[in-house]
Every structure is written in C-alpha cells, then in structure tokens.
C-alpha cells in the first residue's frame, strides 16, 4: 500500500494538501474522498484511510485549510484554534476543491469509476449536497454539523448513505437530528443512526469525545457501502 501526503492542483492553480492511501493491488477499485472535520487530516483519520485502503479502496482526504494561513492537522486540545481558522474560509472555493477532487478520483485509471464520500463534522453538509446533486455512488457522515438546513433536499439523495449522529452533540441538537432521521423514514437506501451518549467528535480515536461503541458500528457501515462499489 502506498500512503503519502501530497498536493492536488485545483482548477485555479492552487495546490491543496491531500493524503492518499492506495491499495497494494493493481486492479481498478472504488474510491473514497473524505472531507474532514475542522481539525483537518488528523493522525487518527490517516489511520482510517490506511486501513480502508488495505481493504481495496483508494482513500483520499484533503486539508480544508490548505489555502489559509493556518493549514495542517490540529489536536484534541486545539478547539479554539480550529474554530478561529474557520473565519478565513471561502466555503464556495472549498466546495469546488472537494468536487474537483471527486471528479479527479473518479477519472483516475486506478479507480473503477465509482466514488463515495465521507463527511466528518464540517464536511457533512458538503457530502450531503454532493449526494443530492447525484455526484456520488455512496455517502456517509460522522457527527455532521449544519445538516438541518438541508432537510428539504433529502428526497434528492438516491445513492446509499449512512448518517451517524451522537445524541449529546451541542452542534447538532437532538431536535435537528431526529428531524433528519424522520426525513429519511421511508428511504430504504439511507440509514440514520443516533448513538446514545455519544458527543460531537466520537470518531476521533483517542480523543476526549471518542466513542468506541459508536465507531464499532459506524466504521463497518462505511466499509459495507464501499464493498458495494467493488466490481
């Protein structure tokens, strides 16, 4: 498996930092693009990417803060710094970087043309919207924020999707979470899970809000979606 931090050249000529983990085999395989949380490409996310790639998926994440003055990964104790660097983000450009990376991976000869996306926290609404726009073959979100305003697009999502929430996350009030669950009540291709006691950040292994019980379900659910994209 080849795993390296590298650069992706965006359409405006800017270099965006990405981490890409490739499987050991040579046959075309599915791709996964991860839109990370406000903490960027953290070490625990790198571990997820490497492990997923070992199962036959090209796994890529990009740094949403590459274009800013404070790029790179942050840690569990860096919440104030993570929030502060959000103030300089161009969300339109961020979405274009994400979509361009999706299209680039889909057309990569190493990919079988099927690409999923995972949105973590900050990344969730971007992935949700891409799914509603028909850009994805599968989608997932872990402790997503700002999804409440997208409920009216729920019926437009046609690809398989797994949406994972904790019920103790202040940035995703339980009223909003249950409204999202109810919006997909009749959608057999979308699963919304709410983990009791799980807070915001439950996916970050080793961090203060990490919830192993939630991730024991959420990570295999993602892998199941990806397995469905293999030829």
C-alpha atoms as a PDB file:
ATOM      1  CA  UNK A   1       0.000   0.000   0.000  1.00  0.00           C
ATOM      2  CA  UNK A   2       1.257   3.484  -0.885  1.00  0.00           C
ATOM      3  CA  UNK A   3       0.391   6.250   1.586  1.00  0.00           C
ATOM      4  CA  UNK A   4       1.777   9.737   1.123  1.00  0.00           C
ATOM      5  CA  UNK A   5       0.854  13.335   1.867  1.00  0.00           C
ATOM      6  CA  UNK A   6       0.926  15.124  -1.475  1.00  0.00           C
ATOM      7  CA  UNK A   7      -0.598  18.021  -3.395  1.00  0.00           C
ATOM      8  CA  UNK A   8      -3.655  18.280  -5.618  1.00  0.00           C
ATOM      9  CA  UNK A   9      -3.641  21.041  -8.216  1.00  0.00           C
ATOM     10  CA  UNK A  10      -7.022  22.791  -8.198  1.00  0.00           C
ATOM     11  CA  UNK A  11      -8.537  24.399 -11.291  1.00  0.00           C
ATOM     12  CA  UNK A  12      -7.416  27.876 -10.195  1.00  0.00           C
ATOM     13  CA  UNK A  13      -3.799  26.701  -9.961  1.00  0.00           C
ATOM     14  CA  UNK A  14      -3.662  26.457  -6.171  1.00  0.00           C
ATOM     15  CA  UNK A  15      -2.052  23.435  -4.520  1.00  0.00           C
ATOM     16  CA  UNK A  16      -4.309  21.697  -1.996  1.00  0.00           C
ATOM     17  CA  UNK A  17      -2.760  19.286   0.500  1.00  0.00           C
ATOM     18  CA  UNK A  18      -4.179  15.775   0.360  1.00  0.00           C
ATOM     19  CA  UNK A  19      -3.384  12.417   1.909  1.00  0.00           C
ATOM     20  CA  UNK A  20      -3.882   9.450  -0.388  1.00  0.00           C
ATOM     21  CA  UNK A  21      -3.660   5.778   0.534  1.00  0.00           C
ATOM     22  CA  UNK A  22      -3.611   3.297  -2.342  1.00  0.00           C
ATOM     23  CA  UNK A  23      -4.265  -0.440  -2.139  1.00  0.00           C
ATOM     24  CA  UNK A  24      -1.499  -2.885  -2.922  1.00  0.00           C
ATOM     25  CA  UNK A  25      -3.288  -4.434  -5.916  1.00  0.00           C
ATOM     26  CA  UNK A  26      -3.350  -3.174  -9.496  1.00  0.00           C
ATOM     27  CA  UNK A  27      -6.987  -3.845 -10.446  1.00  0.00           C
ATOM     28  CA  UNK A  28      -9.266  -0.794 -10.629  1.00  0.00           C
ATOM     29  CA  UNK A  29     -11.110  -0.310  -7.346  1.00  0.00           C
ATOM     30  CA  UNK A  30     -13.586   2.076  -5.703  1.00  0.00           C
ATOM     31  CA  UNK A  31     -12.532   5.447  -4.358  1.00  0.00           C
ATOM     32  CA  UNK A  32     -13.345   7.324  -1.161  1.00  0.00           C
ATOM     33  CA  UNK A  33     -12.911  11.066  -0.634  1.00  0.00           C
ATOM     34  CA  UNK A  34     -13.038  12.249   2.972  1.00  0.00           C
ATOM     35  CA  UNK A  35     -13.989  15.828   3.809  1.00  0.00           C
ATOM     36  CA  UNK A  36     -12.549  16.151   7.330  1.00  0.00           C
ATOM     37  CA  UNK A  37     -13.613  17.962  10.466  1.00  0.00           C
ATOM     38  CA  UNK A  38     -12.325  21.399  11.448  1.00  0.00           C
ATOM     39  CA  UNK A  39      -9.238  19.631  12.788  1.00  0.00           C
ATOM     40  CA  UNK A  40      -8.079  18.629   9.307  1.00  0.00           C
ATOM     41  CA  UNK A  41      -6.262  15.446   8.338  1.00  0.00           C
ATOM     42  CA  UNK A  42      -5.642  14.198  11.861  1.00  0.00           C
ATOM     43  CA  UNK A  43      -3.456  11.203  12.694  1.00  0.00           C
ATOM     44  CA  UNK A  44      -6.497   9.090  13.539  1.00  0.00           C
ATOM     45  CA  UNK A  45      -8.023   9.946  10.151  1.00  0.00           C
ATOM     46  CA  UNK A  46      -4.800   8.849   8.460  1.00  0.00           C
ATOM     47  CA  UNK A  47      -5.143   5.530  10.284  1.00  0.00           C
ATOM     48  CA  UNK A  48      -8.695   5.143   8.948  1.00  0.00           C
ATOM     49  CA  UNK A  49      -7.515   5.901   5.415  1.00  0.00           C
ATOM     50  CA  UNK A  50      -4.669   3.393   5.584  1.00  0.00           C
ATOM     51  CA  UNK A  51      -6.915   0.672   6.978  1.00  0.00           C
ATOM     52  CA  UNK A  52      -9.608   1.287   4.369  1.00  0.00           C
ATOM     53  CA  UNK A  53      -7.041   1.269   1.561  1.00  0.00           C
ATOM     54  CA  UNK A  54      -5.765  -2.092   2.801  1.00  0.00           C
ATOM     55  CA  UNK A  55      -9.251  -3.439   2.034  1.00  0.00           C
ATOM     56  CA  UNK A  56      -9.095  -2.434  -1.621  1.00  0.00           C
ATOM     57  CA  UNK A  57     -10.217   1.204  -1.761  1.00  0.00           C
ATOM     58  CA  UNK A  58      -8.335   4.315  -2.877  1.00  0.00           C
ATOM     59  CA  UNK A  59      -8.793   6.506   0.202  1.00  0.00           C
ATOM     60  CA  UNK A  60      -8.156  10.240  -0.035  1.00  0.00           C
ATOM     61  CA  UNK A  61      -8.646  13.179   2.333  1.00  0.00           C
ATOM     62  CA  UNK A  62      -7.901  16.830   1.706  1.00  0.00           C
ATOM     63  CA  UNK A  63      -6.952  19.654   4.046  1.00  0.00           C
ATOM     64  CA  UNK A  64      -9.823  22.191   4.001  1.00  0.00           C
ATOM     65  CA  UNK A  65      -7.407  24.810   5.343  1.00  0.00           C
ATOM     66  CA  UNK A  66      -4.643  24.430   2.745  1.00  0.00           C
ATOM     67  CA  UNK A  67      -5.429  27.837   1.298  1.00  0.00           C
ATOM     68  CA  UNK A  68      -5.439  29.627   4.648  1.00  0.00           C
ATOM     69  CA  UNK A  69      -2.783  30.974   6.997  1.00  0.00           C
ATOM     70  CA  UNK A  70      -3.112  28.106   9.479  1.00  0.00           C
ATOM     71  CA  UNK A  71      -3.145  24.850   7.493  1.00  0.00           C
ATOM     72  CA  UNK A  72      -2.498  21.336   8.695  1.00  0.00           C
ATOM     73  CA  UNK A  73      -3.894  18.984  11.334  1.00  0.00           C
ATOM     74  CA  UNK A  74      -4.797  20.049  14.858  1.00  0.00           C
ATOM     75  CA  UNK A  75      -5.261  18.036  18.041  1.00  0.00           C
ATOM     76  CA  UNK A  76      -7.849  17.406  20.732  1.00  0.00           C
ATOM     77  CA  UNK A  77      -6.831  20.479  22.714  1.00  0.00           C
ATOM     78  CA  UNK A  78      -6.879  22.871  19.762  1.00  0.00           C
ATOM     79  CA  UNK A  79     -10.603  23.602  19.529  1.00  0.00           C
ATOM     80  CA  UNK A  80     -10.295  27.392  19.826  1.00  0.00           C
ATOM     81  CA  UNK A  81      -7.608  27.489  17.148  1.00  0.00           C
ATOM     82  CA  UNK A  82      -9.692  25.207  14.912  1.00  0.00           C
ATOM     83  CA  UNK A  83     -12.727  27.476  15.228  1.00  0.00           C
ATOM     84  CA  UNK A  84     -10.634  30.620  14.689  1.00  0.00           C
ATOM     85  CA  UNK A  85      -9.245  29.442  11.360  1.00  0.00           C
ATOM     86  CA  UNK A  86     -12.777  28.888  10.083  1.00  0.00           C
ATOM     87  CA  UNK A  87     -13.218  32.669   9.812  1.00  0.00           C
ATOM     88  CA  UNK A  88     -10.993  32.880   6.756  1.00  0.00           C
ATOM     89  CA  UNK A  89     -12.536  30.010   4.802  1.00  0.00           C
ATOM     90  CA  UNK A  90     -14.109  30.596   1.386  1.00  0.00           C
ATOM     91  CA  UNK A  91     -16.854  27.949   1.501  1.00  0.00           C
ATOM     92  CA  UNK A  92     -17.616  28.229  -2.198  1.00  0.00           C
ATOM     93  CA  UNK A  93     -13.999  27.584  -3.103  1.00  0.00           C
ATOM     94  CA  UNK A  94     -13.871  24.792  -0.524  1.00  0.00           C
ATOM     95  CA  UNK A  95     -16.814  23.078  -2.193  1.00  0.00           C
ATOM     96  CA  UNK A  96     -15.187  23.435  -5.609  1.00  0.00           C
ATOM     97  CA  UNK A  97     -11.960  21.859  -4.299  1.00  0.00           C
ATOM     98  CA  UNK A  98     -13.986  18.952  -2.938  1.00  0.00           C
ATOM     99  CA  UNK A  99     -15.950  18.427  -6.166  1.00  0.00           C
ATOM    100  CA  UNK A 100     -12.796  18.663  -8.293  1.00  0.00           C
ATOM    101  CA  UNK A 101     -11.100  16.052  -6.124  1.00  0.00           C
ATOM    102  CA  UNK A 102     -14.124  13.774  -6.520  1.00  0.00           C
ATOM    103  CA  UNK A 103     -14.058  14.110 -10.292  1.00  0.00           C
ATOM    104  CA  UNK A 104     -10.292  13.615 -10.431  1.00  0.00           C
ATOM    105  CA  UNK A 105     -10.502  10.380  -8.455  1.00  0.00           C
ATOM    106  CA  UNK A 106     -13.461   9.099 -10.473  1.00  0.00           C
ATOM    107  CA  UNK A 107     -11.436   9.503 -13.695  1.00  0.00           C
ATOM    108  CA  UNK A 108      -8.218   8.040 -12.226  1.00  0.00           C
ATOM    109  CA  UNK A 109      -7.260   4.834 -14.115  1.00  0.00           C
ATOM    110  CA  UNK A 110      -6.698   3.128 -10.743  1.00  0.00           C
ATOM    111  CA  UNK A 111     -10.360   3.761  -9.838  1.00  0.00           C
ATOM    112  CA  UNK A 112     -13.247   1.704 -11.213  1.00  0.00           C
ATOM    113  CA  UNK A 113     -15.251   4.898 -11.708  1.00  0.00           C
ATOM    114  CA  UNK A 114     -17.255   4.539  -8.503  1.00  0.00           C
ATOM    115  CA  UNK A 115     -16.579   7.035  -5.731  1.00  0.00           C
ATOM    116  CA  UNK A 116     -18.030   7.511  -2.257  1.00  0.00           C
ATOM    117  CA  UNK A 117     -17.519  10.396   0.127  1.00  0.00           C
ATOM    118  CA  UNK A 118     -17.399  10.678   3.892  1.00  0.00           C
ATOM    119  CA  UNK A 119     -18.091  13.999   5.613  1.00  0.00           C
ATOM    120  CA  UNK A 120     -16.839  14.373   9.175  1.00  0.00           C
ATOM    121  CA  UNK A 121     -18.303  17.273  11.169  1.00  0.00           C
ATOM    122  CA  UNK A 122     -17.542  20.274   8.903  1.00  0.00           C
ATOM    123  CA  UNK A 123     -17.549  18.054   5.825  1.00  0.00           C
ATOM    124  CA  UNK A 124     -21.006  16.554   6.313  1.00  0.00           C
ATOM    125  CA  UNK A 125     -23.120  19.229   4.540  1.00  0.00           C
ATOM    126  CA  UNK A 126     -20.736  19.253   1.564  1.00  0.00           C
ATOM    127  CA  UNK A 127     -21.091  15.486   1.204  1.00  0.00           C
ATOM    128  CA  UNK A 128     -24.866  15.620   1.741  1.00  0.00           C
ATOM    129  CA  UNK A 129     -25.185  18.216  -1.023  1.00  0.00           C
ATOM    130  CA  UNK A 130     -22.918  16.261  -3.386  1.00  0.00           C
ATOM    131  CA  UNK A 131     -25.102  13.198  -2.826  1.00  0.00           C
ATOM    132  CA  UNK A 132     -28.262  15.212  -3.520  1.00  0.00           C
ATOM    133  CA  UNK A 133     -26.631  16.545  -6.704  1.00  0.00           C
ATOM    134  CA  UNK A 134     -26.046  12.979  -7.925  1.00  0.00           C
ATOM    135  CA  UNK A 135     -22.248  13.249  -7.734  1.00  0.00           C
ATOM    136  CA  UNK A 136     -21.697  10.197  -5.513  1.00  0.00           C
ATOM    137  CA  UNK A 137     -22.150   6.441  -5.703  1.00  0.00           C
ATOM    138  CA  UNK A 138     -22.365   6.203  -1.897  1.00  0.00           C
ATOM    139  CA  UNK A 139     -22.076   8.629   1.008  1.00  0.00           C
ATOM    140  CA  UNK A 140     -21.607   8.749   4.766  1.00  0.00           C
ATOM    141  CA  UNK A 141     -21.297  11.292   7.536  1.00  0.00           C
ATOM    142  CA  UNK A 142     -19.905  11.067  11.049  1.00  0.00           C
ATOM    143  CA  UNK A 143     -21.181  13.566  13.668  1.00  0.00           C
ATOM    144  CA  UNK A 144     -22.137  16.027  10.968  1.00  0.00           C
ATOM    145  CA  UNK A 145     -22.885  19.672  11.655  1.00  0.00           C
ATOM    146  CA  UNK A 146     -25.196  22.127   9.823  1.00  0.00           C
ATOM    147  CA  UNK A 147     -27.312  19.431   8.191  1.00  0.00           C
ATOM    148  CA  UNK A 148     -30.635  20.779   9.424  1.00  0.00           C
ATOM    149  CA  UNK A 149     -30.821  23.359   6.664  1.00  0.00           C
ATOM    150  CA  UNK A 150     -30.536  20.657   4.009  1.00  0.00           C
ATOM    151  CA  UNK A 151     -33.515  18.527   5.055  1.00  0.00           C
ATOM    152  CA  UNK A 152     -35.531  19.747   2.075  1.00  0.00           C
ATOM    153  CA  UNK A 153     -33.025  18.008  -0.214  1.00  0.00           C
ATOM    154  CA  UNK A 154     -33.307  14.612   1.486  1.00  0.00           C
ATOM    155  CA  UNK A 155     -35.599  13.212  -1.212  1.00  0.00           C
ATOM    156  CA  UNK A 156     -32.985  14.009  -3.871  1.00  0.00           C
ATOM    157  CA  UNK A 157     -30.438  11.589  -2.436  1.00  0.00           C
ATOM    158  CA  UNK A 158     -30.598   8.385  -4.474  1.00  0.00           C
ATOM    159  CA  UNK A 159     -27.303   6.723  -3.534  1.00  0.00           C
ATOM    160  CA  UNK A 160     -26.801   4.546  -0.436  1.00  0.00           C
ATOM    161  CA  UNK A 161     -25.930   6.684   2.585  1.00  0.00           C
ATOM    162  CA  UNK A 162     -25.122   6.134   6.262  1.00  0.00           C
ATOM    163  CA  UNK A 163     -25.624   9.129   8.567  1.00  0.00           C
ATOM    164  CA  UNK A 164     -24.173   8.717  12.054  1.00  0.00           C
ATOM    165  CA  UNK A 165     -25.012  11.054  14.958  1.00  0.00           C
ATOM    166  CA  UNK A 166     -24.433  11.170  18.690  1.00  0.00           C
ATOM    167  CA  UNK A 167     -27.319  12.398  20.823  1.00  0.00           C
ATOM    168  CA  UNK A 168     -25.062  14.509  23.047  1.00  0.00           C
ATOM    169  CA  UNK A 169     -23.519  16.818  20.425  1.00  0.00           C
ATOM    170  CA  UNK A 170     -24.391  20.503  21.044  1.00  0.00           C
ATOM    171  CA  UNK A 171     -23.570  21.495  17.435  1.00  0.00           C
ATOM    172  CA  UNK A 172     -26.232  19.035  16.238  1.00  0.00           C
ATOM    173  CA  UNK A 173     -29.222  19.475  18.574  1.00  0.00           C
ATOM    174  CA  UNK A 174     -31.288  16.343  19.070  1.00  0.00           C
ATOM    175  CA  UNK A 175     -34.348  18.063  17.579  1.00  0.00           C
ATOM    176  CA  UNK A 176     -32.402  18.614  14.353  1.00  0.00           C
ATOM    177  CA  UNK A 177     -31.025  15.074  14.407  1.00  0.00           C
ATOM    178  CA  UNK A 178     -34.457  13.488  14.814  1.00  0.00           C
ATOM    179  CA  UNK A 179     -35.857  15.701  12.045  1.00  0.00           C
ATOM    180  CA  UNK A 180     -33.146  14.390   9.714  1.00  0.00           C
ATOM    181  CA  UNK A 181     -33.914  10.817  10.749  1.00  0.00           C
ATOM    182  CA  UNK A 182     -37.616  11.382  10.110  1.00  0.00           C
ATOM    183  CA  UNK A 183     -36.908  12.879   6.669  1.00  0.00           C
ATOM    184  CA  UNK A 184     -35.420   9.530   5.627  1.00  0.00           C
ATOM    185  CA  UNK A 185     -38.019   7.336   7.359  1.00  0.00           C
ATOM    186  CA  UNK A 186     -39.231   5.894   4.045  1.00  0.00           C
ATOM    187  CA  UNK A 187     -35.825   5.780   2.340  1.00  0.00           C
ATOM    188  CA  UNK A 188     -34.544   2.202   2.414  1.00  0.00           C
ATOM    189  CA  UNK A 189     -31.197   3.252   0.909  1.00  0.00           C
ATOM    190  CA  UNK A 190     -30.398   5.709   3.721  1.00  0.00           C
ATOM    191  CA  UNK A 191     -29.686   4.743   7.317  1.00  0.00           C
ATOM    192  CA  UNK A 192     -29.654   7.301  10.129  1.00  0.00           C
ATOM    193  CA  UNK A 193     -28.234   6.082  13.433  1.00  0.00           C
ATOM    194  CA  UNK A 194     -28.251   8.014  16.701  1.00  0.00           C
ATOM    195  CA  UNK A 195     -25.827   6.777  19.368  1.00  0.00           C
ATOM    196  CA  UNK A 196     -26.905   7.332  22.997  1.00  0.00           C
ATOM    197  CA  UNK A 197     -24.388   9.336  24.974  1.00  0.00           C
ATOM    198  CA  UNK A 198     -22.068   9.945  22.029  1.00  0.00           C
ATOM    199  CA  UNK A 199     -20.845  13.511  21.717  1.00  0.00           C
ATOM    200  CA  UNK A 200     -19.505  15.580  18.871  1.00  0.00           C
ATOM    201  CA  UNK A 201     -16.214  14.110  17.722  1.00  0.00           C
ATOM    202  CA  UNK A 202     -16.973  10.476  18.529  1.00  0.00           C
ATOM    203  CA  UNK A 203     -14.925   9.293  15.536  1.00  0.00           C
ATOM    204  CA  UNK A 204     -11.604  10.767  16.715  1.00  0.00           C
ATOM    205  CA  UNK A 205      -9.756   7.787  18.165  1.00  0.00           C
ATOM    206  CA  UNK A 206      -8.036   8.545  21.456  1.00  0.00           C
ATOM    207  CA  UNK A 207      -9.637  11.977  21.853  1.00  0.00           C
ATOM    208  CA  UNK A 208     -11.771  13.104  24.765  1.00  0.00           C
ATOM    209  CA  UNK A 209     -15.088  12.521  22.927  1.00  0.00           C
ATOM    210  CA  UNK A 210     -14.123   9.299  21.182  1.00  0.00           C
ATOM    211  CA  UNK A 211     -16.900   6.726  21.472  1.00  0.00           C
ATOM    212  CA  UNK A 212     -15.650   3.209  20.622  1.00  0.00           C
ATOM    213  CA  UNK A 213     -19.176   1.748  20.723  1.00  0.00           C
ATOM    214  CA  UNK A 214     -20.403   4.211  18.103  1.00  0.00           C
ATOM    215  CA  UNK A 215     -17.400   3.628  15.870  1.00  0.00           C
ATOM    216  CA  UNK A 216     -17.791  -0.145  16.192  1.00  0.00           C
ATOM    217  CA  UNK A 217     -20.933   0.380  14.095  1.00  0.00           C
ATOM    218  CA  UNK A 218     -20.138   3.478  12.010  1.00  0.00           C
ATOM    219  CA  UNK A 219     -16.827   2.337  10.554  1.00  0.00           C
ATOM    220  CA  UNK A 220     -18.106  -1.118   9.404  1.00  0.00           C
ATOM    221  CA  UNK A 221     -21.166   0.627   7.942  1.00  0.00           C
ATOM    222  CA  UNK A 222     -18.848   2.755   5.812  1.00  0.00           C
ATOM    223  CA  UNK A 223     -16.878  -0.294   4.748  1.00  0.00           C
ATOM    224  CA  UNK A 224     -20.104  -2.045   3.742  1.00  0.00           C
ATOM    225  CA  UNK A 225     -21.022   0.885   1.496  1.00  0.00           C
ATOM    226  CA  UNK A 226     -17.588   0.755  -0.106  1.00  0.00           C
ATOM    227  CA  UNK A 227     -17.781  -3.009  -0.627  1.00  0.00           C
ATOM    228  CA  UNK A 228     -20.952  -2.422  -2.614  1.00  0.00           C
ATOM    229  CA  UNK A 229     -18.958  -0.309  -5.107  1.00  0.00           C
ATOM    230  CA  UNK A 230     -16.435  -3.006  -5.958  1.00  0.00           C
ATOM    231  CA  UNK A 231     -16.788  -4.600  -9.387  1.00  0.00           C
END
